[in-house]
Structure formats: structure tokens, C-alpha cells
């Protein structure tokens, strides 16, 4: 086999197309989510595979609150890629069903948290008043306390969710700078951020993947907080410091607008003790006919993404696995090629494989020598990549992002 050195330019590698809009995260490393709880970024999982309802609810009620738990039941209706045998099901109501979980880590919570689950809404569902949320309380509470109708002061709480409204998915957000309706009693209710914008359609009768992220502002006096949401791995909204440009109704409605001003960012908190510290599975509707199914819940400090099957999962075949230093990647002056600097403890010789975030092998280089490899940009379109470097019994992993 041919050895590749730093001057070798590679052109002839097959590229497997990945849907351009779908983003894959840490779930792409675990077939059907099997073993995802062992990932160091994961802080909580629930797949509803407990033998009894009481055992499942105790995982939440020890740290939170169960709403309408007596109406919950296990179902054999599961997402297509689920690794389990059952999901959680329950009729909707103004009291739930709901599962709240406090997540504080080693302190008061997290600076950045992602919350992902799979869900199915019954075809009988009409208006869904409120859906699942995440946020923070100071101090952290063992029960949900949304305080509807009140604008947070900045030191007590904040909350947000992506909700399936009649016209599509949108944020529903409470924070210190939120807009209000201007009513005489001064009530403030959750703000939306995709007003006057085409929203992702709410699909009923089929499983979908829901994910949301909140990043708090740091330091507390800044406005550099963020929030984003994804449906089936497609990001539909992301607001942060300087993006997107937006317009405002003057009340409770915001929307992207290329002619508007840059979004200043969120000031979720004014007190450093307030962090992201809870997730809440919830289905608040006005009719019990709106049954809901939940499954494969994950909370993590990095993007989780949709589940994958065996064809897309990155397999760990080495008994000795170590994480390498971050690989440096930069374009050559020609603009058509990329150079990867291999870590000092990798070689030689080494086998290098580059995988997409979905776990699809994009490039395979056997018997590499030297400290650099050069790859055509045609082989690696913009995206997030995992690099696997194998040398004897040692396997090193690293990542890079190509914009």
C-alpha cells in the first residue's frame, strides 16, 4: 500500500451524501442510543424501559415532580430507531402529563444544556397550549414553578421551550427582557421568535425528534446568552449575540428580518447563581383526546442530535481508546485542499479515517507516514467531522469543524 506524506494531494475518495440540513451530534456515536449515558457530556437519560411505572417515576420524583402520574402508562409504540421496547404514553390535560427533573451537576446547574427527546402527538390533538420546557431556578427547585404571566427579575428564574402551535413550531420564552402585551394588569406571557416567518409544520401521528439548547450569559451583566431548537435534527431557530437580524412587534413577538437590527443576545440572569438546572416533559392541552408518547430522553452539555442505525454509527473496535489533542486544520493557499496536522503521539505508520457527524466514512487513508495529510475539499464538504487515527493497538479520536 502507498504511504502518504505531507506533499501528497488526494482527489479520488468517494463521498456519501448526507442531508444538508440535518445536524448529527453525540447520538451519532451510539447505535439506537445504546450506551449514550456513558458519554461524558450526558447528564441524564430516560428510555422508559423500567419494569414498573413506580420505578420510572421515582427517577423523576426523587428530584422533581410527576404530574398526572396515575394516567401514565407504558406503550409498545416506539420510535423506529429506538433501542428499547416501550415508551411512555398519557392523555393530555391542563395538569399534564408531566415529568420534571432538577439537574444541578456539581453546583447550581449548567452554563449550557441541550435537551432532546422523541415524541408522538395523537392525530386527535388540536391546540396544544404548552409543551416541554427547560430553564433555571435560583435556588434550584424540585418542582416546576413557571410563574406564568410574570416577567423574571433576572435573579430568580427563566424558562423556554419550543412549542407546537397551530401555525407551527416556535419558542415560548420567559426572561428578564421579554416583551409584554401591554395589558392594564401588566401581565407578561411567553414570547415567540418566529412570528411573520414560515414555521416548521407540526406533524401528528408520527414520531419526531425534539431538541433545544440554552446557553446562559456570562458574565451575568452581559447579553451573550443563546437559545436554539431543532426538529428531526434540523435547526429552525437560533438566537444569540449579534444574530439573527430581527424585528419586534412591540409586545411579545419577534422574528428574523434581514433588514432589522442584530439580536443583542439574551441576558437570562443578573445573578451568577442562576444557571440552567431543569428539564420538563410536559403536554398541557384542553382535551384528554390529545394523547402523547415520549421516549429516548437525553440531557447533555453538547448537541445530541437524532438517533442513528448501525449503518451510520461509528464503531469502536479497539480495546485501547485514547483521545488525542485537537487536530489543527487549515486551508492551503490554493483554496481547494485542506491540511490535517496529525498529533505527535499518533504515528507512524497510521491509518486515518474521516467520518461525518452521522458516522459515514468520508475518507480512508491506509499506511500514512509523515505529520500531515492533504485532502481535497471535494471529499469533505462543510460540516462537523470525527477523525479516527489508528496505530497498532492504539486508537485516537479528534474532531474538526469545516465552515
Protein backbone atom coordinates (compact mmCIF):
# COMPACT_ATOMS: atom_id res chain seq x y z
CA UNK A 1 0.00 0.00 0.00
CA UNK A 2 1.13 3.53 -0.79
CA UNK A 3 2.38 5.77 2.01
CA UNK A 4 1.13 9.34 2.05
CA UNK A 5 3.34 12.24 3.09
CA UNK A 6 2.80 15.92 3.63
CA UNK A 7 3.09 16.78 -0.09
CA UNK A 8 0.53 14.22 -1.27
CA UNK A 9 -2.71 15.64 -2.66
CA UNK A 10 -5.67 13.26 -2.58
CA UNK A 11 -8.56 13.51 -5.02
CA UNK A 12 -10.20 10.13 -5.55
CA UNK A 13 -12.31 9.41 -2.48
CA UNK A 14 -15.99 8.60 -2.66
CA UNK A 15 -18.24 10.99 -0.72
CA UNK A 16 -21.53 9.74 0.66
CA UNK A 17 -24.18 12.47 0.63
CA UNK A 18 -25.70 13.50 3.95
CA UNK A 19 -28.91 15.57 4.10
CA UNK A 20 -27.60 19.11 4.17
CA UNK A 21 -29.85 20.45 6.88
CA UNK A 22 -29.78 17.56 9.33
CA UNK A 23 -27.26 18.00 12.14
CA UNK A 24 -25.92 14.95 13.98
CA UNK A 25 -24.34 15.10 17.39
CA UNK A 26 -23.13 12.73 20.08
CA UNK A 27 -26.04 10.33 19.41
CA UNK A 28 -24.37 9.51 16.08
CA UNK A 29 -21.70 7.61 18.04
CA UNK A 30 -24.21 5.23 19.64
CA UNK A 31 -26.38 2.87 17.63
CA UNK A 32 -30.01 3.39 18.68
CA UNK A 33 -28.72 5.42 21.66
CA UNK A 34 -27.26 2.24 23.19
CA UNK A 35 -24.62 3.30 25.71
CA UNK A 36 -25.17 7.04 25.24
CA UNK A 37 -25.49 7.51 29.02
CA UNK A 38 -21.75 6.74 29.31
CA UNK A 39 -20.80 9.75 27.21
CA UNK A 40 -19.06 12.29 29.48
CA UNK A 41 -21.26 15.11 28.16
CA UNK A 42 -24.52 13.35 29.06
CA UNK A 43 -26.05 14.34 32.41
CA UNK A 44 -29.40 12.50 32.31
CA UNK A 45 -31.18 9.86 30.22
CA UNK A 46 -34.59 8.18 30.31
CA UNK A 47 -35.73 5.48 27.88
CA UNK A 48 -38.76 4.27 29.87
CA UNK A 49 -37.55 0.68 29.96
CA UNK A 50 -38.17 0.29 33.72
CA UNK A 51 -40.21 -2.73 34.77
CA UNK A 52 -42.79 -0.69 36.67
CA UNK A 53 -44.31 2.76 36.41
CA UNK A 54 -43.37 3.42 40.03
CA UNK A 55 -39.71 2.66 39.30
CA UNK A 56 -39.72 5.05 36.33
CA UNK A 57 -41.47 7.84 38.20
CA UNK A 58 -39.09 7.53 41.14
CA UNK A 59 -36.20 8.54 38.86
CA UNK A 60 -38.00 11.84 38.36
CA UNK A 61 -39.92 12.34 41.59
CA UNK A 62 -36.82 11.95 43.78
CA UNK A 63 -35.57 15.14 42.20
CA UNK A 64 -38.73 16.64 40.75
CA UNK A 65 -42.42 16.22 40.36
CA UNK A 66 -44.71 13.90 38.41
CA UNK A 67 -47.97 15.42 37.10
CA UNK A 68 -50.94 13.09 36.48
CA UNK A 69 -48.73 10.09 37.09
CA UNK A 70 -51.77 7.87 37.64
CA UNK A 71 -52.73 8.34 33.98
CA UNK A 72 -49.33 7.41 32.58
CA UNK A 73 -48.77 4.02 31.00
CA UNK A 74 -46.11 2.20 29.05
CA UNK A 75 -46.70 1.61 25.35
CA UNK A 76 -45.10 -0.68 22.77
CA UNK A 77 -45.31 2.18 20.25
CA UNK A 78 -41.69 3.36 19.93
CA UNK A 79 -39.57 5.44 17.50
CA UNK A 80 -38.23 3.48 14.54
CA UNK A 81 -34.60 3.75 15.69
CA UNK A 82 -35.23 3.25 19.39
CA UNK A 83 -33.17 0.58 21.08
CA UNK A 84 -35.92 -0.18 23.61
CA UNK A 85 -39.26 -1.93 23.70
CA UNK A 86 -41.54 0.65 25.25
CA UNK A 87 -42.31 4.35 25.52
CA UNK A 88 -44.34 6.46 27.93
CA UNK A 89 -47.87 7.45 27.00
CA UNK A 90 -50.58 9.53 28.60
CA UNK A 91 -53.60 11.71 27.80
CA UNK A 92 -53.10 15.44 27.67
CA UNK A 93 -54.66 17.70 30.27
CA UNK A 94 -54.25 21.11 31.89
CA UNK A 95 -52.33 19.30 34.64
CA UNK A 96 -50.04 17.27 32.44
CA UNK A 97 -48.89 14.59 31.96
CA UNK A 98 -45.57 15.93 33.08
CA UNK A 99 -42.15 14.82 34.32
CA UNK A 100 -39.85 17.42 35.84
CA UNK A 101 -36.19 16.77 36.64
CA UNK A 102 -33.77 19.02 38.51
CA UNK A 103 -30.23 18.90 37.06
CA UNK A 104 -27.56 20.66 39.11
CA UNK A 105 -24.37 18.72 38.35
CA UNK A 106 -21.69 19.65 40.87
CA UNK A 107 -23.23 23.03 41.63
CA UNK A 108 -26.27 25.13 40.77
CA UNK A 109 -26.67 23.84 37.22
CA UNK A 110 -25.05 24.19 33.81
CA UNK A 111 -23.81 27.07 31.69
CA UNK A 112 -25.10 25.34 28.56
CA UNK A 113 -27.56 22.47 28.28
CA UNK A 114 -29.20 20.52 25.46
CA UNK A 115 -32.47 18.64 25.98
CA UNK A 116 -33.57 16.02 23.42
CA UNK A 117 -36.42 13.54 23.30
CA UNK A 118 -38.64 11.70 20.83
CA UNK A 119 -42.37 12.38 20.86
CA UNK A 120 -45.58 11.49 19.04
CA UNK A 121 -48.79 13.51 19.18
CA UNK A 122 -52.13 11.81 18.61
CA UNK A 123 -53.96 12.72 15.40
CA UNK A 124 -56.81 13.93 17.64
CA UNK A 125 -54.62 16.73 19.04
CA UNK A 126 -55.83 20.20 18.20
CA UNK A 127 -54.43 23.22 20.00
CA UNK A 128 -51.54 22.38 22.32
CA UNK A 129 -51.43 25.12 24.91
CA UNK A 130 -47.96 24.38 26.34
CA UNK A 131 -45.30 21.78 25.66
CA UNK A 132 -41.96 20.74 27.14
CA UNK A 133 -39.61 23.33 28.64
CA UNK A 134 -36.19 23.81 30.14
CA UNK A 135 -34.75 26.61 32.23
CA UNK A 136 -33.37 27.63 35.60
CA UNK A 137 -34.46 28.47 39.15
CA UNK A 138 -32.42 30.22 41.84
CA UNK A 139 -32.20 28.35 44.08
CA UNK A 140 -32.85 25.12 42.09
CA UNK A 141 -36.27 23.66 42.89
CA UNK A 142 -37.52 20.06 43.00
CA UNK A 143 -40.76 21.03 41.30
CA UNK A 144 -41.86 23.10 38.30
CA UNK A 145 -42.68 26.73 39.02
CA UNK A 146 -43.18 28.54 35.69
CA UNK A 147 -44.77 31.68 37.22
CA UNK A 148 -46.93 32.37 34.17
CA UNK A 149 -47.77 35.99 33.49
CA UNK A 150 -44.74 37.49 35.23
CA UNK A 151 -41.54 38.86 33.73
CA UNK A 152 -38.50 37.39 35.58
CA UNK A 153 -36.41 39.88 37.53
CA UNK A 154 -33.14 38.30 36.39
CA UNK A 155 -32.02 36.72 39.64
CA UNK A 156 -34.85 34.21 40.20
CA UNK A 157 -35.72 32.16 37.11
CA UNK A 158 -36.05 31.87 33.34
CA UNK A 159 -37.70 29.30 31.08
CA UNK A 160 -38.11 28.46 27.43
CA UNK A 161 -39.47 25.76 25.18
CA UNK A 162 -40.21 25.06 21.54
CA UNK A 163 -43.95 24.55 21.30
CA UNK A 164 -46.18 23.02 18.60
CA UNK A 165 -48.60 25.87 17.90
CA UNK A 166 -51.46 25.88 15.43
CA UNK A 167 -49.24 27.51 12.79
CA UNK A 168 -46.06 25.53 13.53
CA UNK A 169 -43.18 25.26 15.97
CA UNK A 170 -41.93 28.35 17.80
CA UNK A 171 -40.18 29.37 21.01
CA UNK A 172 -42.18 30.26 24.11
CA UNK A 173 -39.75 32.15 26.32
CA UNK A 174 -39.65 33.95 29.67
CA UNK A 175 -36.61 36.10 30.53
CA UNK A 176 -35.88 39.49 32.08
CA UNK A 177 -36.04 41.49 28.83
CA UNK A 178 -39.15 39.85 27.41
CA UNK A 179 -41.92 41.90 25.85
CA UNK A 180 -45.40 42.19 27.32
CA UNK A 181 -48.88 42.56 25.90
CA UNK A 182 -49.33 45.97 27.47
CA UNK A 183 -52.44 44.95 29.37
CA UNK A 184 -53.65 47.08 32.26
CA UNK A 185 -52.63 44.47 34.83
CA UNK A 186 -49.11 44.37 33.42
CA UNK A 187 -49.11 40.65 32.61
CA UNK A 188 -46.25 39.22 30.56
CA UNK A 189 -46.62 35.85 28.86
CA UNK A 190 -44.08 33.81 26.92
CA UNK A 191 -42.57 35.45 23.84
CA UNK A 192 -42.33 33.83 20.41
CA UNK A 193 -39.47 34.32 17.94
CA UNK A 194 -40.72 33.10 14.55
CA UNK A 195 -43.63 35.48 14.10
CA UNK A 196 -44.22 36.51 10.45
CA UNK A 197 -41.96 33.60 9.48
CA UNK A 198 -42.62 30.22 7.89
CA UNK A 199 -42.52 27.78 10.79
CA UNK A 200 -41.77 24.05 10.77
CA UNK A 201 -45.00 22.11 10.46
CA UNK A 202 -46.29 20.16 13.45
CA UNK A 203 -46.62 16.55 12.32
CA UNK A 204 -49.17 14.41 14.17
CA UNK A 205 -49.46 10.66 14.30
CA UNK A 206 -45.73 10.16 13.72
CA UNK A 207 -42.61 10.20 15.89
CA UNK A 208 -40.35 13.23 15.75
CA UNK A 209 -37.08 14.24 17.44
CA UNK A 210 -37.25 17.45 19.55
CA UNK A 211 -34.15 19.22 20.83
CA UNK A 212 -33.48 22.54 22.46
CA UNK A 213 -30.41 24.39 23.77
CA UNK A 214 -29.98 27.23 26.24
CA UNK A 215 -26.64 28.91 26.88
CA UNK A 216 -26.61 31.38 29.76
CA UNK A 217 -24.98 34.79 29.64
CA UNK A 218 -21.55 35.02 31.21
CA UNK A 219 -20.72 37.27 32.98
CA UNK A 220 -24.18 37.97 34.43
CA UNK A 221 -24.14 41.63 33.38
CA UNK A 222 -23.63 40.67 29.70
CA UNK A 223 -26.17 39.81 27.00
CA UNK A 224 -24.35 36.93 25.33
CA UNK A 225 -26.85 34.17 26.10
CA UNK A 226 -28.32 31.96 23.38
CA UNK A 227 -31.16 29.57 22.59
CA UNK A 228 -31.88 27.25 19.67
CA UNK A 229 -34.22 24.42 18.72
CA UNK A 230 -34.17 21.52 16.28
CA UNK A 231 -36.93 19.25 14.95
CA UNK A 232 -35.68 15.95 13.50
CA UNK A 233 -32.13 17.30 13.57
CA UNK A 234 -32.93 20.40 11.52
CA UNK A 235 -32.20 23.70 13.26
CA UNK A 236 -35.10 26.09 12.79
CA UNK A 237 -34.14 28.92 15.12
CA UNK A 238 -31.00 30.11 16.86
CA UNK A 239 -30.80 33.47 18.64
CA UNK A 240 -27.54 34.69 20.14
CA UNK A 241 -25.32 37.79 20.41
CA UNK A 242 -25.36 39.51 17.03
CA UNK A 243 -27.62 37.03 15.23
CA UNK A 244 -30.01 36.92 13.55
CA UNK A 245 -31.17 40.31 12.43
CA UNK A 246 -34.68 40.75 13.78
CA UNK A 247 -37.82 42.86 14.06
CA UNK A 248 -40.12 43.31 17.04
CA UNK A 249 -43.87 43.82 17.36
CA UNK A 250 -43.51 45.97 20.46
CA UNK A 251 -45.30 43.34 22.54
CA UNK A 252 -44.43 39.64 22.77
CA UNK A 253 -43.44 38.76 19.19
CA UNK A 254 -40.05 38.74 17.50
CA UNK A 255 -38.96 37.43 14.10
CA UNK A 256 -35.90 37.15 11.81
CA UNK A 257 -35.66 40.10 9.42
CA UNK A 258 -32.67 40.71 7.15
CA UNK A 259 -33.42 44.45 7.23
CA UNK A 260 -33.57 44.64 11.02
CA UNK A 261 -31.03 45.10 13.81
CA UNK A 262 -28.74 42.30 15.08
CA UNK A 263 -30.23 40.41 18.03
CA UNK A 264 -28.34 41.64 21.13
CA UNK A 265 -28.27 38.27 22.88
CA UNK A 266 -30.10 37.04 25.96
CA UNK A 267 -29.47 38.23 29.48
CA UNK A 268 -31.01 35.19 31.12
CA UNK A 269 -29.64 36.16 34.53
CA UNK A 270 -28.23 39.00 36.60
CA UNK A 271 -27.04 36.66 39.36
CA UNK A 272 -24.20 34.18 38.81
CA UNK A 273 -26.04 31.62 40.96
CA UNK A 274 -28.77 31.23 38.32
CA UNK A 275 -27.99 28.55 35.74
CA UNK A 276 -29.77 26.05 33.51
CA UNK A 277 -30.91 23.43 36.02
CA UNK A 278 -34.10 21.65 34.94
CA UNK A 279 -35.85 19.88 32.09
CA UNK A 280 -39.60 19.28 31.95
CA UNK A 281 -41.51 16.83 29.74
CA UNK A 282 -44.99 18.29 29.55
CA UNK A 283 -48.20 18.30 27.50
CA UNK A 284 -50.67 21.00 28.57
CA UNK A 285 -53.84 20.80 26.44
CA UNK A 286 -57.56 21.34 26.92
CA UNK A 287 -58.66 17.88 25.84
CA UNK A 288 -57.80 14.40 27.10
CA UNK A 289 -58.10 13.23 23.48
CA UNK A 290 -54.63 14.68 22.80
CA UNK A 291 -52.59 11.67 23.87
CA UNK A 292 -48.81 11.98 23.78
CA UNK A 293 -45.95 9.48 23.64
CA UNK A 294 -42.41 10.24 24.89
CA UNK A 295 -39.22 8.20 24.53
CA UNK A 296 -35.40 8.33 24.44
CA UNK A 297 -34.81 11.39 26.59
CA UNK A 298 -31.27 12.80 26.84
CA UNK A 299 -29.90 15.93 28.51
CA UNK A 300 -26.27 16.83 27.77
CA UNK A 301 -23.79 19.68 27.69
CA UNK A 302 -23.20 19.26 23.93
CA UNK A 303 -25.50 18.80 20.95
CA UNK A 304 -27.18 15.38 20.95
CA UNK A 305 -28.98 15.07 17.61
CA UNK A 306 -31.18 12.30 16.21
CA UNK A 307 -30.56 8.61 16.80
CA UNK A 308 -28.77 6.59 14.13
CA UNK A 309 -28.86 2.99 12.99
CA UNK A 310 -25.91 0.64 12.63
CA UNK A 311 -25.07 1.87 9.14
CA UNK A 312 -24.28 5.33 10.50
CA UNK A 313 -22.84 4.56 13.91
CA UNK A 314 -19.10 4.90 14.46
CA UNK A 315 -17.93 1.56 15.83
CA UNK A 316 -15.22 1.42 18.48
CA UNK A 317 -13.23 -1.69 17.56
CA UNK A 318 -10.15 -1.01 19.65
CA UNK A 319 -9.62 -2.26 23.21
CA UNK A 320 -7.35 0.75 23.80
CA UNK A 321 -9.02 4.08 23.10
CA UNK A 322 -7.44 7.44 23.83
CA UNK A 323 -8.48 10.97 22.91
CA UNK A 324 -5.86 12.91 21.01
CA UNK A 325 -5.05 16.58 21.13
CA UNK A 326 -7.23 18.75 18.94
CA UNK A 327 -6.28 18.41 15.30
CA UNK A 328 -5.31 21.62 13.57
CA UNK A 329 -6.96 22.09 10.20
CA UNK A 330 -6.41 24.95 7.80
CA UNK A 331 -6.86 25.52 4.05
CA UNK A 332 -3.89 25.69 1.73
CA UNK A 333 -3.35 28.78 -0.39
CA UNK A 334 -4.89 27.09 -3.43
CA UNK A 335 -8.24 27.07 -1.62
CA UNK A 336 -9.06 23.60 -2.94
CA UNK A 337 -7.33 21.45 -0.34
CA UNK A 338 -7.18 21.02 3.42
CA UNK A 339 -4.25 20.04 5.58
CA UNK A 340 -4.57 17.97 8.79
CA UNK A 341 -1.74 18.11 11.27
CA UNK A 342 -1.50 14.69 12.91
CA UNK A 343 -0.90 14.60 16.68
CA UNK A 344 2.65 13.89 17.76
CA UNK A 345 1.69 10.66 19.54
CA UNK A 346 -0.09 9.18 16.53
CA UNK A 347 2.41 7.58 14.35
CA UNK A 348 3.99 6.23 12.27
CA UNK A 349 2.63 4.48 10.28
CA UNK A 350 -1.04 5.21 10.94
CA UNK A 351 -4.40 4.59 9.33
CA UNK A 352 -6.60 7.69 9.11
CA UNK A 353 -10.37 7.67 8.58
CA UNK A 354 -12.59 10.76 8.46
CA UNK A 355 -16.27 10.33 9.38
CA UNK A 356 -19.15 12.74 9.02
CA UNK A 357 -21.13 13.63 12.15
CA UNK A 358 -23.59 10.92 11.06
CA UNK A 359 -20.82 8.34 11.26
CA UNK A 360 -20.48 7.90 7.47
CA UNK A 361 -16.90 7.25 6.37
CA UNK A 362 -15.88 10.05 4.01
CA UNK A 363 -12.14 9.38 3.60
CA UNK A 364 -9.95 6.33 4.33
CA UNK A 365 -6.14 6.54 4.21
CA UNK A 366 -4.09 3.42 4.98
CA UNK A 367 -0.40 3.50 5.94
CA UNK A 368 0.03 7.24 6.34
CA UNK A 369 3.55 8.50 7.05
CA UNK A 370 4.65 12.00 7.97
CA UNK A 371 2.98 14.50 10.25
CA UNK A 372 0.44 15.94 7.79
CA UNK A 373 -2.07 14.77 5.23
CA UNK A 374 -3.65 16.82 2.45
CA UNK A 375 -7.22 16.17 1.35
CA UNK A 376 -9.32 17.62 -1.44
CA UNK A 377 -12.20 19.79 -0.24
CA UNK A 378 -14.43 17.75 -2.54
CA UNK A 379 -14.08 14.89 -0.08
CA UNK A 380 -15.12 16.88 2.98
CA UNK A 381 -17.86 19.46 2.39
CA UNK A 382 -18.63 21.93 5.21
CA UNK A 383 -19.65 20.17 8.41
CA UNK A 384 -18.52 18.54 11.64
CA UNK A 385 -16.13 15.59 11.37
CA UNK A 386 -14.68 12.86 13.53
CA UNK A 387 -11.14 11.74 12.74
CA UNK A 388 -10.05 8.22 13.75
CA UNK A 389 -6.31 7.60 13.78
CA UNK A 390 -5.22 4.00 14.32
CA UNK A 391 -1.67 2.95 15.10
CA UNK A 392 -1.23 -0.67 16.14
CA UNK A 393 -3.46 -1.32 19.16
CA UNK A 394 -3.90 2.40 19.86
CA UNK A 395 -6.84 4.38 18.53
CA UNK A 396 -7.01 8.18 18.75
CA UNK A 397 -10.07 10.33 18.12
CA UNK A 398 -10.45 14.02 17.44
CA UNK A 399 -12.88 16.40 15.78
CA UNK A 400 -12.80 19.40 13.50
CA UNK A 401 -15.35 21.79 12.06
CA UNK A 402 -15.14 22.93 8.45
CA UNK A 403 -17.10 26.06 7.57
